[in-house]
Amino acid sequence: MWVLRVVLAFVLAVVVATVLGAVAHTQFVLARLSGLGVDISFGERLSTTLHDIVGMAPLFGAIVGAGFIVAMAAAALVYRLAGVQRTLIYTVAGAVSLGVTLLVMNSVFEITAIAGARSALGFLAQMAAGAIGGLTFAKALPAR
């Protein structure tokens, strides 16, 4: 039963990080378009955001999930050794996971695969999405 709860906490964390990352991506891209003079209504913002969540979810979710497997396993080890600050450890692991994932993708593909992360603020927004995913994992994970 404990393993099932860990798996559910993990899936929830990946979904949260993926959705928030997709939302951040969309808003940063739309902000750049607005900066170029393109008029974007609230309805267009909302429909574009929902479209991007659905469109990005399968591949981006798999990428986030792969990074989170490594990050949450490392965080569990750090917590086991430290024995304190469980929530902080998982939150930082989530942030680092998204940051490292974006940097690796940039190195491999020689392009920022997530357009919304091209600026420093956009990159930090992706890390924040990872942090909230890590926090979600810590809160949903059964204490042991």
Protein backbone atom coordinates (compact mmCIF):
# COMPACT_ATOMS: atom_id res chain seq x y z
CA MET A 1 0.00 0.00 0.00
CA TRP A 2 2.88 2.39 0.81
CA VAL A 3 4.41 1.89 -2.66
CA LEU A 4 1.09 2.75 -4.31
CA ARG A 5 0.90 5.99 -2.31
CA VAL A 6 4.46 6.87 -3.37
CA VAL A 7 3.59 6.24 -7.02
CA LEU A 8 0.43 8.36 -6.74
CA ALA A 9 2.37 11.18 -5.03
CA PHE A 10 4.96 11.00 -7.80
CA VAL A 11 2.36 11.11 -10.59
CA LEU A 12 0.59 14.03 -8.93
CA ALA A 13 3.90 15.91 -8.58
CA VAL A 14 4.77 15.35 -12.25
CA VAL A 15 1.31 16.49 -13.37
CA VAL A 16 1.54 19.64 -11.22
CA ALA A 17 5.03 20.52 -12.48
CA THR A 18 4.07 19.77 -16.10
CA VAL A 19 0.89 21.87 -16.02
CA LEU A 20 2.57 24.79 -14.25
CA GLY A 21 5.56 24.59 -16.59
CA ALA A 22 3.26 24.62 -19.64
CA VAL A 23 1.30 27.58 -18.24
CA ALA A 24 4.52 29.50 -17.55
CA HIS A 25 5.82 28.68 -21.03
CA THR A 26 2.65 29.96 -22.66
CA GLN A 27 2.51 33.17 -20.68
CA PHE A 28 6.15 34.02 -21.39
CA VAL A 29 5.68 33.40 -25.12
CA LEU A 30 2.50 35.51 -25.17
CA ALA A 31 4.25 38.27 -23.23
CA ARG A 32 6.99 38.38 -25.88
CA LEU A 33 4.34 38.60 -28.60
CA SER A 34 2.59 41.40 -26.71
CA GLY A 35 5.93 43.16 -26.47
CA LEU A 36 6.10 43.06 -30.26
CA GLY A 37 2.72 44.80 -30.45
CA VAL A 38 0.46 41.79 -30.94
CA ASP A 39 -2.89 42.33 -29.22
CA ILE A 40 -3.86 39.21 -27.26
CA SER A 41 -7.26 39.06 -25.58
CA PHE A 42 -7.93 37.25 -22.32
CA GLY A 43 -9.92 34.62 -24.24
CA GLU A 44 -7.01 34.02 -26.61
CA ARG A 45 -4.65 33.79 -23.63
CA LEU A 46 -6.90 31.23 -21.96
CA SER A 47 -7.47 29.11 -25.06
CA THR A 48 -3.76 29.20 -25.96
CA THR A 49 -2.84 28.17 -22.43
CA LEU A 50 -5.25 25.23 -22.45
CA HIS A 51 -4.07 24.22 -25.92
CA ASP A 52 -0.44 24.28 -24.79
CA ILE A 53 -1.16 22.28 -21.63
CA VAL A 54 -2.84 19.54 -23.69
CA GLY A 55 -0.27 19.69 -26.48
CA MET A 56 2.81 19.77 -24.27
CA ALA A 57 1.64 17.33 -21.61
CA PRO A 58 2.66 14.01 -23.17
CA LEU A 59 6.25 14.83 -24.13
CA PHE A 60 6.98 17.52 -21.55
CA GLY A 61 5.36 15.35 -18.86
CA ALA A 62 7.58 12.41 -19.80
CA ILE A 63 10.65 14.64 -19.67
CA VAL A 64 9.61 16.11 -16.31
CA GLY A 65 8.88 12.59 -15.05
CA ALA A 66 12.30 11.30 -16.08
CA GLY A 67 13.98 14.19 -14.31
CA PHE A 68 11.79 13.76 -11.23
CA ILE A 69 12.65 10.05 -10.95
CA VAL A 70 16.29 10.96 -10.49
CA ALA A 71 15.62 14.08 -8.40
CA MET A 72 13.13 12.52 -5.98
CA ALA A 73 15.29 9.43 -5.52
CA ALA A 74 18.28 11.67 -4.74
CA ALA A 75 16.12 13.77 -2.42
CA ALA A 76 14.97 10.64 -0.58
CA LEU A 77 18.61 9.68 -0.07
CA VAL A 78 19.53 13.17 1.15
CA TYR A 79 16.58 13.15 3.54
CA ARG A 80 17.53 9.68 4.82
CA LEU A 81 21.06 10.93 5.53
CA ALA A 82 20.07 14.34 6.92
CA GLY A 83 16.85 13.37 8.65
CA VAL A 84 15.57 16.98 8.63
CA GLN A 85 13.88 19.48 6.30
CA ARG A 86 12.02 16.85 4.27
CA THR A 87 9.75 19.36 2.53
CA LEU A 88 12.62 21.70 1.68
CA ILE A 89 14.72 18.86 0.27
CA TYR A 90 11.97 17.68 -2.09
CA THR A 91 11.10 21.25 -3.11
CA VAL A 92 14.71 22.07 -4.00
CA ALA A 93 15.04 18.73 -5.80
CA GLY A 94 12.04 19.59 -7.98
CA ALA A 95 13.46 23.01 -8.85
CA VAL A 96 16.90 21.62 -9.62
CA SER A 97 15.34 18.84 -11.69
CA LEU A 98 13.60 21.26 -14.05
CA GLY A 99 16.67 23.50 -14.25
CA VAL A 100 19.01 20.63 -15.06
CA THR A 101 16.52 19.14 -17.51
CA LEU A 102 16.30 22.42 -19.44
CA LEU A 103 20.09 22.81 -19.46
CA VAL A 104 20.60 19.23 -20.69
CA MET A 105 17.98 19.70 -23.42
CA ASN A 106 19.74 22.91 -24.43
CA SER A 107 23.09 21.13 -24.62
CA VAL A 108 21.73 18.18 -26.58
CA PHE A 109 19.52 20.06 -29.03
CA GLU A 110 21.47 23.35 -29.03
CA ILE A 111 18.20 25.24 -28.66
CA THR A 112 15.97 26.08 -25.74
CA ALA A 113 13.28 23.46 -26.27
CA ILE A 114 10.83 25.28 -24.00
CA ALA A 115 10.52 28.70 -25.63
CA GLY A 116 9.13 30.26 -22.46
CA ALA A 117 12.43 29.48 -20.72
CA ARG A 118 14.62 31.52 -23.07
CA SER A 119 14.86 34.43 -20.65
CA ALA A 120 16.31 34.21 -17.15
CA LEU A 121 12.89 34.92 -15.67
CA GLY A 122 11.28 32.26 -17.87
CA PHE A 123 13.95 29.77 -16.80
CA LEU A 124 13.27 30.62 -13.15
CA ALA A 125 9.54 30.20 -13.75
CA GLN A 126 10.19 26.67 -15.00
CA MET A 127 12.29 25.99 -11.91
CA ALA A 128 9.44 27.35 -9.77
CA ALA A 129 7.09 24.90 -11.49
CA GLY A 130 9.53 22.13 -10.57
CA ALA A 131 9.75 23.40 -7.01
CA ILE A 132 5.97 23.33 -6.64
CA GLY A 133 5.98 19.82 -8.10
CA GLY A 134 8.61 18.79 -5.55
CA LEU A 135 6.59 20.40 -2.77
CA THR A 136 3.52 18.53 -3.97
CA PHE A 137 5.47 15.28 -3.79
CA ALA A 138 6.66 16.04 -0.25
CA LYS A 139 3.13 16.88 0.93
CA ALA A 140 1.47 13.92 -0.81
CA LEU A 141 4.20 11.42 0.11
CA PRO A 142 3.39 9.33 3.15
CA ALA A 143 5.86 9.92 5.97
CA ARG A 144 7.89 6.89 6.84
